[in-house]
Structure formats: structure tokens, C-alpha cells
Amino acid sequence: MENAEQTVLLTNRCDYDETHLTAALGEQLRGQRKKQNTVLAICIALLLAYCIVAWFKFHDSLYLVLSAASLVFAAALVYLIRFMPARLAKKQAARLRETSDGLSYTALFRPDGIGFCGPNGQERVAVPYSVLSRIAEPTGLILLITVQKQLILLDPKRFEDGTEADFWRLMNEKCRDALPADRRA
């Protein structure tokens, strides 16, 4: 049993810098709330259209106030989707710089799960493949998202003991349901 735990099938190093964290958090926010954001945007657009039409028909200033409120809601939605991930990433990167020796983390893919090592090389967490809910590919990254909404970032150019193709084969074997549809074998 201990020999199986120590066997590393694949290794990946990724820098948890602001750029990578921004892409990861943006993908997570878009992925978690894609349907809700779409419905909310449609509702805001319908409210705005109704208010404009009603104002022209009834010339009541209440409809102008509601139009302004719907524009504020639209701006808040855009801020949450577009700009919030960058702010969160900046804070997270600063927190990582303060609490650890660097921003380079390592994922160790073993037969029973994924080990996660900090910059000092000490393994912090072991994640079983069964808790992966989704694997996404934002620009320049591979993102593993767990059921608890934890993120593991992978750099597709920095696989060791194998290649990116080996990673996708392993994920097809271990957690096929978490893969994007176009990556399933």
C-alpha cells in the first residue's frame, strides 16, 4: 500500500501568480454561475427595455429611476464577472507571498489521488480523484475544480514524468465525468 502511495505517475509545476490566479478565478466564477449570470443579464435587459418603452408611453419619472437602477445592476454584473477575479487574484497572490516561500506549487499525480506540494517541497494536501467535479482549460492553464470549489492550477507546458497527453489519458481513466466533453475518450 505504501509503495502505491509513493508512486508518482505525473508531476506538474505551476506558478500561482496574479495572471494564473486571475484566469483561474475568472473561470471558476463563470463556470459556477454561468446560468445564473445569463438569466440575470436577460432580466436586467428586459427590465431596461420595459422601462424605456413605458417611459415613452406614460412619461412617468418612476420608469427613468428604474432604468437607472437596471443600468447600475448591469454595471455590477459586469464588475463581478470582469474585474472581481483580478482583484481577488491580486489579494490571493499577496497572501501566498506572505505565507509561503514562493508562488511555485507542485501537483503529484499518484494512482490514488493528487498530492499538492508548496514551494518548500512539503506535501500539504492529498486530493482523491473522486472529488474532482470539473476540469477546465482557461487560456494557458488547466484548472482542476473540486466539489468543495478548491482550485488546483496546472501549467500545460510544465509536466514532468510525462506530457499533457499523458495527463488527459490519466484523467480519462480516473475521473472521466469531470473532463470537458471534447477531452473524453
N, C-alpha and C. Protein backbone atom coordinates (compact mmCIF):
# COMPACT_ATOMS: atom_id res chain seq x y z
N MET A 1 0.83 -1.20 0.00
CA MET A 1 0.00 0.00 0.00
C MET A 1 0.87 1.25 0.00
N GLU A 2 1.89 1.28 0.85
CA GLU A 2 2.74 2.46 0.92
C GLU A 2 3.48 2.68 -0.40
N ASN A 3 3.87 1.60 -1.08
CA ASN A 3 4.55 1.72 -2.37
C ASN A 3 3.65 2.38 -3.40
N ALA A 4 2.35 2.03 -3.39
CA ALA A 4 1.41 2.64 -4.33
C ALA A 4 1.24 4.13 -4.03
N GLU A 5 1.27 4.51 -2.73
CA GLU A 5 1.13 5.93 -2.38
C GLU A 5 2.34 6.75 -2.84
N GLN A 6 3.49 6.15 -2.84
CA GLN A 6 4.71 6.87 -3.20
C GLN A 6 4.93 6.93 -4.70
N THR A 7 4.27 6.10 -5.48
CA THR A 7 4.44 6.09 -6.92
C THR A 7 3.84 7.36 -7.52
N VAL A 8 4.68 8.12 -8.21
CA VAL A 8 4.21 9.33 -8.86
C VAL A 8 4.11 9.05 -10.35
N LEU A 9 2.89 9.15 -10.88
CA LEU A 9 2.66 8.89 -12.29
C LEU A 9 3.02 10.10 -13.15
N LEU A 10 2.80 11.28 -12.61
CA LEU A 10 2.95 12.51 -13.38
C LEU A 10 3.15 13.66 -12.39
N THR A 11 3.93 14.65 -12.78
CA THR A 11 4.19 15.81 -11.94
C THR A 11 3.94 17.07 -12.77
N ASN A 12 3.40 18.10 -12.11
CA ASN A 12 3.21 19.38 -12.79
C ASN A 12 3.56 20.50 -11.83
N ARG A 13 4.28 21.49 -12.33
CA ARG A 13 4.61 22.68 -11.54
C ARG A 13 3.88 23.87 -12.16
N CYS A 14 3.31 24.68 -11.30
CA CYS A 14 2.60 25.86 -11.78
C CYS A 14 2.83 27.01 -10.81
N ASP A 15 3.04 28.19 -11.36
CA ASP A 15 3.20 29.38 -10.55
C ASP A 15 1.83 29.97 -10.26
N TYR A 16 1.54 30.16 -9.00
CA TYR A 16 0.26 30.75 -8.58
C TYR A 16 0.42 32.26 -8.53
N ASP A 17 0.77 32.85 -9.67
CA ASP A 17 0.96 34.30 -9.75
C ASP A 17 -0.37 34.96 -10.10
N GLU A 18 -0.36 36.28 -10.16
CA GLU A 18 -1.61 37.03 -10.40
C GLU A 18 -2.26 36.67 -11.73
N THR A 19 -1.46 36.48 -12.77
CA THR A 19 -2.01 36.16 -14.08
C THR A 19 -2.75 34.83 -14.07
N HIS A 20 -2.09 33.81 -13.53
CA HIS A 20 -2.71 32.49 -13.47
C HIS A 20 -3.91 32.47 -12.54
N LEU A 21 -3.79 33.14 -11.39
CA LEU A 21 -4.91 33.17 -10.46
C LEU A 21 -6.11 33.93 -11.03
N THR A 22 -5.85 35.00 -11.78
CA THR A 22 -6.94 35.74 -12.41
C THR A 22 -7.70 34.86 -13.40
N ALA A 23 -6.96 34.13 -14.23
CA ALA A 23 -7.61 33.23 -15.19
C ALA A 23 -8.39 32.14 -14.48
N ALA A 24 -7.81 31.58 -13.41
CA ALA A 24 -8.47 30.50 -12.68
C ALA A 24 -9.73 30.98 -11.97
N LEU A 25 -9.63 32.10 -11.26
CA LEU A 25 -10.79 32.61 -10.54
C LEU A 25 -11.89 33.07 -11.50
N GLY A 26 -11.50 33.66 -12.62
CA GLY A 26 -12.48 34.06 -13.63
C GLY A 26 -13.21 32.86 -14.18
N GLU A 27 -12.49 31.81 -14.48
CA GLU A 27 -13.11 30.57 -14.98
C GLU A 27 -14.03 29.96 -13.92
N GLN A 28 -13.59 29.97 -12.67
CA GLN A 28 -14.41 29.41 -11.61
C GLN A 28 -15.70 30.21 -11.45
N LEU A 29 -15.61 31.54 -11.44
CA LEU A 29 -16.80 32.36 -11.30
C LEU A 29 -17.74 32.19 -12.48
N ARG A 30 -17.19 32.16 -13.69
CA ARG A 30 -18.03 31.97 -14.87
C ARG A 30 -18.65 30.58 -14.89
N GLY A 31 -17.89 29.59 -14.51
CA GLY A 31 -18.39 28.22 -14.54
C GLY A 31 -19.45 27.94 -13.50
N GLN A 32 -19.26 28.49 -12.29
CA GLN A 32 -20.21 28.25 -11.22
C GLN A 32 -21.55 28.92 -11.48
N ARG A 33 -21.49 30.10 -12.01
CA ARG A 33 -22.71 30.90 -12.11
C ARG A 33 -23.06 31.28 -13.54
N LYS A 34 -22.70 30.45 -14.47
CA LYS A 34 -22.95 30.79 -15.88
C LYS A 34 -24.44 30.95 -16.16
N LYS A 35 -25.24 30.00 -15.72
CA LYS A 35 -26.68 30.06 -15.97
C LYS A 35 -27.31 31.22 -15.21
N GLN A 36 -26.90 31.40 -13.95
CA GLN A 36 -27.46 32.48 -13.16
C GLN A 36 -27.11 33.84 -13.75
N ASN A 37 -25.86 34.00 -14.18
CA ASN A 37 -25.45 35.27 -14.78
C ASN A 37 -26.20 35.55 -16.08
N THR A 38 -26.43 34.52 -16.87
CA THR A 38 -27.17 34.69 -18.12
C THR A 38 -28.62 35.10 -17.84
N VAL A 39 -29.25 34.41 -16.89
CA VAL A 39 -30.63 34.75 -16.54
C VAL A 39 -30.69 36.17 -15.98
N LEU A 40 -29.74 36.51 -15.13
CA LEU A 40 -29.72 37.86 -14.54
C LEU A 40 -29.53 38.93 -15.62
N ALA A 41 -28.63 38.69 -16.57
CA ALA A 41 -28.41 39.66 -17.65
C ALA A 41 -29.67 39.82 -18.51
N ILE A 42 -30.36 38.73 -18.80
CA ILE A 42 -31.60 38.79 -19.58
C ILE A 42 -32.68 39.57 -18.81
N CYS A 43 -32.79 39.31 -17.51
CA CYS A 43 -33.78 40.04 -16.70
C CYS A 43 -33.48 41.53 -16.65
N ILE A 44 -32.22 41.89 -16.51
CA ILE A 44 -31.84 43.30 -16.49
C ILE A 44 -32.17 43.96 -17.83
N ALA A 45 -31.85 43.26 -18.93
CA ALA A 45 -32.14 43.81 -20.26
C ALA A 45 -33.64 43.98 -20.47
N LEU A 46 -34.43 42.99 -20.05
CA LEU A 46 -35.88 43.10 -20.18
C LEU A 46 -36.44 44.24 -19.33
N LEU A 47 -35.94 44.39 -18.11
CA LEU A 47 -36.39 45.49 -17.25
C LEU A 47 -36.06 46.84 -17.88
N LEU A 48 -34.86 46.96 -18.41
CA LEU A 48 -34.46 48.22 -19.05
C LEU A 48 -35.34 48.51 -20.26
N ALA A 49 -35.57 47.51 -21.09
CA ALA A 49 -36.41 47.70 -22.28
C ALA A 49 -37.84 48.09 -21.87
N TYR A 50 -38.37 47.41 -20.88
CA TYR A 50 -39.72 47.73 -20.41
C TYR A 50 -39.79 49.16 -19.89
N CYS A 51 -38.80 49.56 -19.11
CA CYS A 51 -38.80 50.91 -18.53
C CYS A 51 -38.72 51.98 -19.61
N ILE A 52 -37.92 51.76 -20.62
CA ILE A 52 -37.79 52.74 -21.70
C ILE A 52 -39.10 52.86 -22.47
N VAL A 53 -39.69 51.72 -22.81
CA VAL A 53 -40.96 51.74 -23.54
C VAL A 53 -42.05 52.39 -22.68
N ALA A 54 -42.11 52.02 -21.40
CA ALA A 54 -43.13 52.58 -20.51
C ALA A 54 -42.93 54.08 -20.32
N TRP A 55 -41.69 54.52 -20.24
CA TRP A 55 -41.46 55.96 -20.08
C TRP A 55 -41.97 56.73 -21.29
N PHE A 56 -41.69 56.22 -22.50
CA PHE A 56 -42.20 56.89 -23.70
C PHE A 56 -43.73 56.87 -23.76
N LYS A 57 -44.33 55.82 -23.22
CA LYS A 57 -45.78 55.71 -23.28
C LYS A 57 -46.47 56.55 -22.19
N PHE A 58 -45.92 56.51 -20.95
CA PHE A 58 -46.61 57.16 -19.84
C PHE A 58 -45.92 58.44 -19.33
N HIS A 59 -44.69 58.67 -19.71
CA HIS A 59 -43.90 59.84 -19.27
C HIS A 59 -43.87 59.98 -17.75
N ASP A 60 -43.74 58.85 -17.07
CA ASP A 60 -43.65 58.84 -15.61
C ASP A 60 -42.19 58.71 -15.22
N SER A 61 -41.72 59.57 -14.32
CA SER A 61 -40.30 59.58 -13.94
C SER A 61 -39.89 58.31 -13.18
N LEU A 62 -40.85 57.57 -12.66
CA LEU A 62 -40.53 56.31 -12.00
C LEU A 62 -39.80 55.36 -12.94
N TYR A 63 -40.19 55.37 -14.21
CA TYR A 63 -39.56 54.49 -15.19
C TYR A 63 -38.12 54.91 -15.47
N LEU A 64 -37.81 56.19 -15.36
CA LEU A 64 -36.42 56.65 -15.50
C LEU A 64 -35.58 56.18 -14.31
N VAL A 65 -36.16 56.23 -13.14
CA VAL A 65 -35.45 55.75 -11.95
C VAL A 65 -35.19 54.25 -12.07
N LEU A 66 -36.18 53.50 -12.50
CA LEU A 66 -35.98 52.05 -12.69
C LEU A 66 -34.97 51.76 -13.79
N SER A 67 -34.94 52.58 -14.83
CA SER A 67 -33.93 52.42 -15.88
C SER A 67 -32.53 52.63 -15.33
N ALA A 68 -32.38 53.67 -14.52
CA ALA A 68 -31.07 53.94 -13.91
C ALA A 68 -30.67 52.79 -12.98
N ALA A 69 -31.63 52.27 -12.24
CA ALA A 69 -31.33 51.15 -11.34
C ALA A 69 -30.91 49.91 -12.13
N SER A 70 -31.57 49.65 -13.26
CA SER A 70 -31.19 48.49 -14.06
C SER A 70 -29.80 48.67 -14.67
N LEU A 71 -29.43 49.90 -15.01
CA LEU A 71 -28.07 50.15 -15.50
C LEU A 71 -27.03 49.93 -14.40
N VAL A 72 -27.37 50.29 -13.17
CA VAL A 72 -26.48 50.04 -12.03
C VAL A 72 -26.32 48.53 -11.83
N PHE A 73 -27.41 47.79 -11.92
CA PHE A 73 -27.34 46.33 -11.80
C PHE A 73 -26.48 45.73 -12.90
N ALA A 74 -26.63 46.23 -14.11
CA ALA A 74 -25.82 45.74 -15.23
C ALA A 74 -24.34 46.02 -14.99
N ALA A 75 -24.03 47.22 -14.51
CA ALA A 75 -22.64 47.57 -14.22
C ALA A 75 -22.06 46.67 -13.12
N ALA A 76 -22.87 46.38 -12.10
CA ALA A 76 -22.42 45.50 -11.02
C ALA A 76 -22.16 44.09 -11.54
N LEU A 77 -22.99 43.61 -12.43
CA LEU A 77 -22.80 42.28 -13.02
C LEU A 77 -21.51 42.23 -13.83
N VAL A 78 -21.28 43.25 -14.64
CA VAL A 78 -20.05 43.32 -15.43
C VAL A 78 -18.83 43.36 -14.51
N TYR A 79 -18.91 44.14 -13.45
CA TYR A 79 -17.81 44.23 -12.50
C TYR A 79 -17.52 42.87 -11.88
N LEU A 80 -18.56 42.16 -11.46
CA LEU A 80 -18.36 40.85 -10.83
C LEU A 80 -17.74 39.84 -11.78
N ILE A 81 -18.15 39.88 -13.03
CA ILE A 81 -17.65 38.90 -14.00
C ILE A 81 -16.26 39.29 -14.53
N ARG A 82 -16.07 40.56 -14.79
CA ARG A 82 -14.87 41.01 -15.50
C ARG A 82 -13.73 41.45 -14.59
N PHE A 83 -14.03 42.19 -13.53
CA PHE A 83 -12.98 42.81 -12.75
C PHE A 83 -12.74 42.18 -11.38
N MET A 84 -13.73 41.54 -10.81
CA MET A 84 -13.57 40.93 -9.49
C MET A 84 -12.50 39.83 -9.46
N PRO A 85 -12.40 38.95 -10.48
CA PRO A 85 -11.35 37.93 -10.43
C PRO A 85 -9.94 38.52 -10.32
N ALA A 86 -9.67 39.63 -10.99
CA ALA A 86 -8.34 40.24 -10.92
C ALA A 86 -8.05 40.78 -9.52
N ARG A 87 -9.05 41.40 -8.89
CA ARG A 87 -8.85 41.90 -7.52
C ARG A 87 -8.62 40.75 -6.55
N LEU A 88 -9.42 39.70 -6.68
CA LEU A 88 -9.26 38.55 -5.80
C LEU A 88 -7.90 37.87 -6.02
N ALA A 89 -7.48 37.78 -7.28
CA ALA A 89 -6.19 37.15 -7.60
C ALA A 89 -5.03 37.95 -7.01
N LYS A 90 -5.12 39.25 -7.08
CA LYS A 90 -4.06 40.10 -6.53
C LYS A 90 -3.94 39.88 -5.01
N LYS A 91 -5.07 39.83 -4.33
CA LYS A 91 -5.07 39.59 -2.89
C LYS A 91 -4.54 38.20 -2.56
N GLN A 92 -4.99 37.20 -3.34
CA GLN A 92 -4.56 35.82 -3.09
C GLN A 92 -3.06 35.67 -3.32
N ALA A 93 -2.52 36.25 -4.37
CA ALA A 93 -1.08 36.17 -4.65
C ALA A 93 -0.29 36.85 -3.53
N ALA A 94 -0.76 37.99 -3.06
CA ALA A 94 -0.09 38.68 -1.95
C ALA A 94 -0.11 37.82 -0.69
N ARG A 95 -1.23 37.18 -0.42
CA ARG A 95 -1.35 36.30 0.75
C ARG A 95 -0.40 35.12 0.61
N LEU A 96 -0.29 34.55 -0.59
CA LEU A 96 0.63 33.42 -0.80
C LEU A 96 2.08 33.85 -0.63
N ARG A 97 2.42 35.05 -1.09
CA ARG A 97 3.79 35.56 -0.91
C ARG A 97 4.13 35.71 0.57
N GLU A 98 3.15 36.16 1.35
CA GLU A 98 3.38 36.37 2.78
C GLU A 98 3.52 35.06 3.55
N THR A 99 2.71 34.07 3.19
CA THR A 99 2.63 32.85 3.99
C THR A 99 3.54 31.72 3.52
N SER A 100 4.13 31.84 2.33
CA SER A 100 4.97 30.75 1.85
C SER A 100 6.27 31.30 1.26
N ASP A 101 7.13 30.38 0.86
CA ASP A 101 8.44 30.75 0.34
C ASP A 101 8.42 31.16 -1.12
N GLY A 102 7.30 31.06 -1.78
CA GLY A 102 7.21 31.41 -3.19
C GLY A 102 5.83 31.13 -3.73
N LEU A 103 5.72 31.22 -5.04
CA LEU A 103 4.42 31.02 -5.68
C LEU A 103 4.38 29.77 -6.55
N SER A 104 5.45 28.98 -6.57
CA SER A 104 5.51 27.80 -7.42
C SER A 104 5.06 26.56 -6.62
N TYR A 105 3.94 25.97 -7.06
CA TYR A 105 3.40 24.79 -6.39
C TYR A 105 3.49 23.59 -7.33
N THR A 106 3.50 22.41 -6.73
CA THR A 106 3.65 21.18 -7.49
C THR A 106 2.48 20.24 -7.22
N ALA A 107 1.94 19.68 -8.29
CA ALA A 107 0.90 18.66 -8.19
C ALA A 107 1.53 17.32 -8.55
N LEU A 108 1.37 16.34 -7.66
CA LEU A 108 1.91 14.99 -7.86
C LEU A 108 0.75 14.04 -8.11
N PHE A 109 0.66 13.51 -9.30
CA PHE A 109 -0.43 12.61 -9.66
C PHE A 109 -0.02 11.19 -9.32
N ARG A 110 -0.72 10.60 -8.37
CA ARG A 110 -0.46 9.25 -7.90
C ARG A 110 -1.63 8.36 -8.30
N PRO A 111 -1.49 7.05 -8.16
CA PRO A 111 -2.60 6.15 -8.52
C PRO A 111 -3.89 6.41 -7.73
N ASP A 112 -3.77 6.88 -6.47
CA ASP A 112 -4.95 7.05 -5.64
C ASP A 112 -5.42 8.50 -5.50
N GLY A 113 -4.66 9.46 -5.98
CA GLY A 113 -5.07 10.85 -5.85
C GLY A 113 -3.95 11.81 -6.23
N ILE A 114 -4.20 13.09 -5.96
CA ILE A 114 -3.27 14.14 -6.34
C ILE A 114 -2.66 14.74 -5.08
N GLY A 115 -1.34 14.68 -4.97
CA GLY A 115 -0.65 15.33 -3.88
C GLY A 115 -0.36 16.77 -4.28
N PHE A 116 -0.36 17.66 -3.32
CA PHE A 116 -0.15 19.08 -3.59
C PHE A 116 0.95 19.58 -2.68
N CYS A 117 2.06 20.02 -3.27
CA CYS A 117 3.22 20.47 -2.51
C CYS A 117 3.42 21.97 -2.66
N GLY A 118 3.77 22.61 -1.56
CA GLY A 118 4.06 24.03 -1.57
C GLY A 118 5.46 24.31 -2.08
N PRO A 119 5.85 25.57 -2.11
CA PRO A 119 7.17 25.96 -2.61
C PRO A 119 8.32 25.33 -1.83
N ASN A 120 8.10 25.02 -0.55
CA ASN A 120 9.16 24.41 0.25
C ASN A 120 9.31 22.91 0.00
N GLY A 121 8.43 22.32 -0.81
CA GLY A 121 8.51 20.91 -1.16
C GLY A 121 7.74 19.99 -0.23
N GLN A 122 7.18 20.53 0.84
CA GLN A 122 6.42 19.72 1.77
C GLN A 122 5.00 19.53 1.26
N GLU A 123 4.56 18.26 1.24
CA GLU A 123 3.22 17.98 0.74
C GLU A 123 2.18 18.45 1.75
N ARG A 124 1.22 19.24 1.26
CA ARG A 124 0.20 19.83 2.12
C ARG A 124 -1.11 19.05 2.09
N VAL A 125 -1.55 18.68 0.91
CA VAL A 125 -2.88 18.12 0.75
C VAL A 125 -2.82 16.95 -0.22
N ALA A 126 -3.66 15.95 0.02
CA ALA A 126 -3.86 14.88 -0.95
C ALA A 126 -5.33 14.93 -1.36
N VAL A 127 -5.58 15.02 -2.65
CA VAL A 127 -6.93 15.15 -3.18
C VAL A 127 -7.27 13.88 -3.96
N PRO A 128 -8.29 13.12 -3.52
CA PRO A 128 -8.69 11.95 -4.30
C PRO A 128 -9.32 12.38 -5.63
N TYR A 129 -9.15 11.57 -6.64
CA TYR A 129 -9.72 11.89 -7.96
C TYR A 129 -11.25 11.99 -7.90
N SER A 130 -11.86 11.29 -6.96
CA SER A 130 -13.32 11.26 -6.88
C SER A 130 -13.92 12.62 -6.51
N VAL A 131 -13.13 13.54 -5.92
CA VAL A 131 -13.68 14.85 -5.53
C VAL A 131 -13.54 15.90 -6.63
N LEU A 132 -12.95 15.54 -7.76
CA LEU A 132 -12.85 16.50 -8.87
C LEU A 132 -14.21 16.60 -9.55
N SER A 133 -14.75 17.81 -9.58
CA SER A 133 -16.06 17.99 -10.19
C SER A 133 -15.97 18.49 -11.63
N ARG A 134 -14.88 19.23 -11.93
CA ARG A 134 -14.77 19.81 -13.26
C ARG A 134 -13.32 20.10 -13.57
N ILE A 135 -12.96 19.89 -14.83
CA ILE A 135 -11.63 20.26 -15.32
C ILE A 135 -11.85 21.25 -16.45
N ALA A 136 -11.27 22.43 -16.32
CA ALA A 136 -11.45 23.49 -17.31
C ALA A 136 -10.11 23.88 -17.89
N GLU A 137 -10.16 24.54 -19.04
CA GLU A 137 -8.94 24.98 -19.72
C GLU A 137 -9.01 26.47 -20.06
N PRO A 138 -8.86 27.35 -19.05
CA PRO A 138 -8.73 28.76 -19.41
C PRO A 138 -7.41 28.96 -20.13
N THR A 139 -7.23 30.08 -20.78
CA THR A 139 -6.05 30.34 -21.59
C THR A 139 -4.76 30.08 -20.81
N GLY A 140 -3.95 29.16 -21.31
CA GLY A 140 -2.63 28.89 -20.74
C GLY A 140 -2.63 28.10 -19.45
N LEU A 141 -3.75 27.51 -19.07
CA LEU A 141 -3.85 26.76 -17.82
C LEU A 141 -4.72 25.53 -17.99
N ILE A 142 -4.56 24.62 -17.06
CA ILE A 142 -5.52 23.55 -16.86
C ILE A 142 -5.96 23.72 -15.41
N LEU A 143 -7.25 23.73 -15.19
CA LEU A 143 -7.80 24.03 -13.88
C LEU A 143 -8.60 22.84 -13.37
N LEU A 144 -8.21 22.32 -12.21
CA LEU A 144 -8.94 21.23 -11.57
C LEU A 144 -9.79 21.84 -10.46
N ILE A 145 -11.10 21.63 -10.50
CA ILE A 145 -12.01 22.19 -9.52
C ILE A 145 -12.65 21.04 -8.75
N THR A 146 -12.57 21.10 -7.42
CA THR A 146 -13.12 20.03 -6.59
C THR A 146 -14.57 20.34 -6.24
N VAL A 147 -15.22 19.37 -5.63
CA VAL A 147 -16.60 19.53 -5.20
C VAL A 147 -16.70 20.66 -4.17
N GLN A 148 -15.65 20.85 -3.38
CA GLN A 148 -15.63 21.91 -2.37
C GLN A 148 -15.20 23.26 -2.95
N LYS A 149 -15.11 23.36 -4.28
CA LYS A 149 -14.74 24.59 -5.00
C LYS A 149 -13.28 24.99 -4.78
N GLN A 150 -12.42 24.03 -4.42
CA GLN A 150 -11.00 24.29 -4.34
C GLN A 150 -10.42 24.23 -5.74
N LEU A 151 -9.33 24.96 -5.96
CA LEU A 151 -8.70 25.03 -7.28
C LEU A 151 -7.30 24.45 -7.24
N ILE A 152 -6.97 23.66 -8.23
CA ILE A 152 -5.59 23.23 -8.45
C ILE A 152 -5.23 23.68 -9.86
N LEU A 153 -4.21 24.51 -9.96
CA LEU A 153 -3.78 25.05 -11.24
C LEU A 153 -2.64 24.21 -11.80
N LEU A 154 -2.70 23.94 -13.09
CA LEU A 154 -1.65 23.20 -13.78
C LEU A 154 -1.20 23.99 -14.99
N ASP A 155 0.10 23.99 -15.22
CA ASP A 155 0.66 24.64 -16.40
C ASP A 155 0.86 23.56 -17.46
N PRO A 156 0.16 23.64 -18.60
CA PRO A 156 0.25 22.57 -19.61
C PRO A 156 1.65 22.39 -20.19
N LYS A 157 2.51 23.38 -20.04
CA LYS A 157 3.87 23.28 -20.58
C LYS A 157 4.87 22.73 -19.56
N ARG A 158 4.43 22.49 -18.32
CA ARG A 158 5.38 22.12 -17.28
C ARG A 158 5.09 20.76 -16.64
N PHE A 159 4.73 19.79 -17.48
CA PHE A 159 4.57 18.43 -16.97
C PHE A 159 5.92 17.75 -16.92
N GLU A 160 6.12 16.97 -15.88
CA GLU A 160 7.34 16.16 -15.74
C GLU A 160 6.91 14.71 -15.59
N ASP A 161 7.77 13.80 -15.91
CA ASP A 161 7.48 12.36 -15.87
C ASP A 161 6.37 12.00 -16.85
N GLY A 162 6.14 12.84 -17.83
CA GLY A 162 5.09 12.61 -18.82
C GLY A 162 4.75 13.90 -19.53
N THR A 163 3.69 13.85 -20.32
CA THR A 163 3.30 15.00 -21.12
C THR A 163 1.86 15.39 -20.81
N GLU A 164 1.39 16.45 -21.45
CA GLU A 164 0.00 16.85 -21.30
C GLU A 164 -0.94 15.75 -21.80
N ALA A 165 -0.54 15.05 -22.86
CA ALA A 165 -1.36 13.94 -23.38
C ALA A 165 -1.48 12.83 -22.33
N ASP A 166 -0.40 12.56 -21.60
CA ASP A 166 -0.46 11.58 -20.52
C ASP A 166 -1.42 12.02 -19.42
N PHE A 167 -1.44 13.32 -19.14
CA PHE A 167 -2.37 13.86 -18.14
C PHE A 167 -3.81 13.60 -18.56
N TRP A 168 -4.14 13.89 -19.82
CA TRP A 168 -5.53 13.70 -20.28
C TRP A 168 -5.91 12.23 -20.27
N ARG A 169 -4.96 11.34 -20.60
CA ARG A 169 -5.24 9.90 -20.52
C ARG A 169 -5.51 9.48 -19.07
N LEU A 170 -4.71 9.99 -18.14
CA LEU A 170 -4.89 9.68 -16.73
C LEU A 170 -6.25 10.18 -16.22
N MET A 171 -6.62 11.39 -16.62
CA MET A 171 -7.90 11.94 -16.18
C MET A 171 -9.07 11.16 -16.79
N ASN A 172 -8.93 10.69 -18.01
CA ASN A 172 -9.97 9.84 -18.62
C ASN A 172 -10.14 8.55 -17.83
N GLU A 173 -9.05 8.06 -17.30
CA GLU A 173 -9.08 6.82 -16.53
C GLU A 173 -9.63 7.05 -15.12
N LYS A 174 -9.25 8.13 -14.47
CA LYS A 174 -9.57 8.35 -13.06
C LYS A 174 -10.85 9.13 -12.80
N CYS A 175 -11.15 10.11 -13.63
CA CYS A 175 -12.32 10.98 -13.35
C CYS A 175 -12.92 11.49 -14.66
N ARG A 176 -13.38 10.57 -15.45
CA ARG A 176 -13.90 10.89 -16.79
C ARG A 176 -15.03 11.91 -16.77
N ASP A 177 -15.89 11.86 -15.76
CA ASP A 177 -17.05 12.76 -15.71
C ASP A 177 -16.67 14.21 -15.49
N ALA A 178 -15.49 14.48 -14.94
CA ALA A 178 -15.05 15.85 -14.69
C ALA A 178 -14.46 16.51 -15.94
N LEU A 179 -14.15 15.72 -16.94
CA LEU A 179 -13.49 16.25 -18.13
C LEU A 179 -14.44 17.05 -19.02
N PRO A 180 -13.89 18.03 -19.75
CA PRO A 180 -14.71 18.68 -20.78
C PRO A 180 -15.11 17.63 -21.82
N ALA A 181 -16.25 17.80 -22.43
CA ALA A 181 -16.78 16.80 -23.37
C ALA A 181 -15.82 16.49 -24.50
N ASP A 182 -15.09 17.50 -24.98
CA ASP A 182 -14.18 17.27 -26.11
C ASP A 182 -12.90 16.54 -25.70
N ARG A 183 -12.67 16.34 -24.41
CA ARG A 183 -11.47 15.64 -23.94
C ARG A 183 -11.75 14.20 -23.53
N ARG A 184 -13.00 13.80 -23.57
CA ARG A 184 -13.34 12.44 -23.16
C ARG A 184 -13.02 11.47 -24.27
N ALA A 185 -12.42 10.35 -23.86
CA ALA A 185 -12.04 9.33 -24.86
C ALA A 185 -13.17 8.36 -25.09
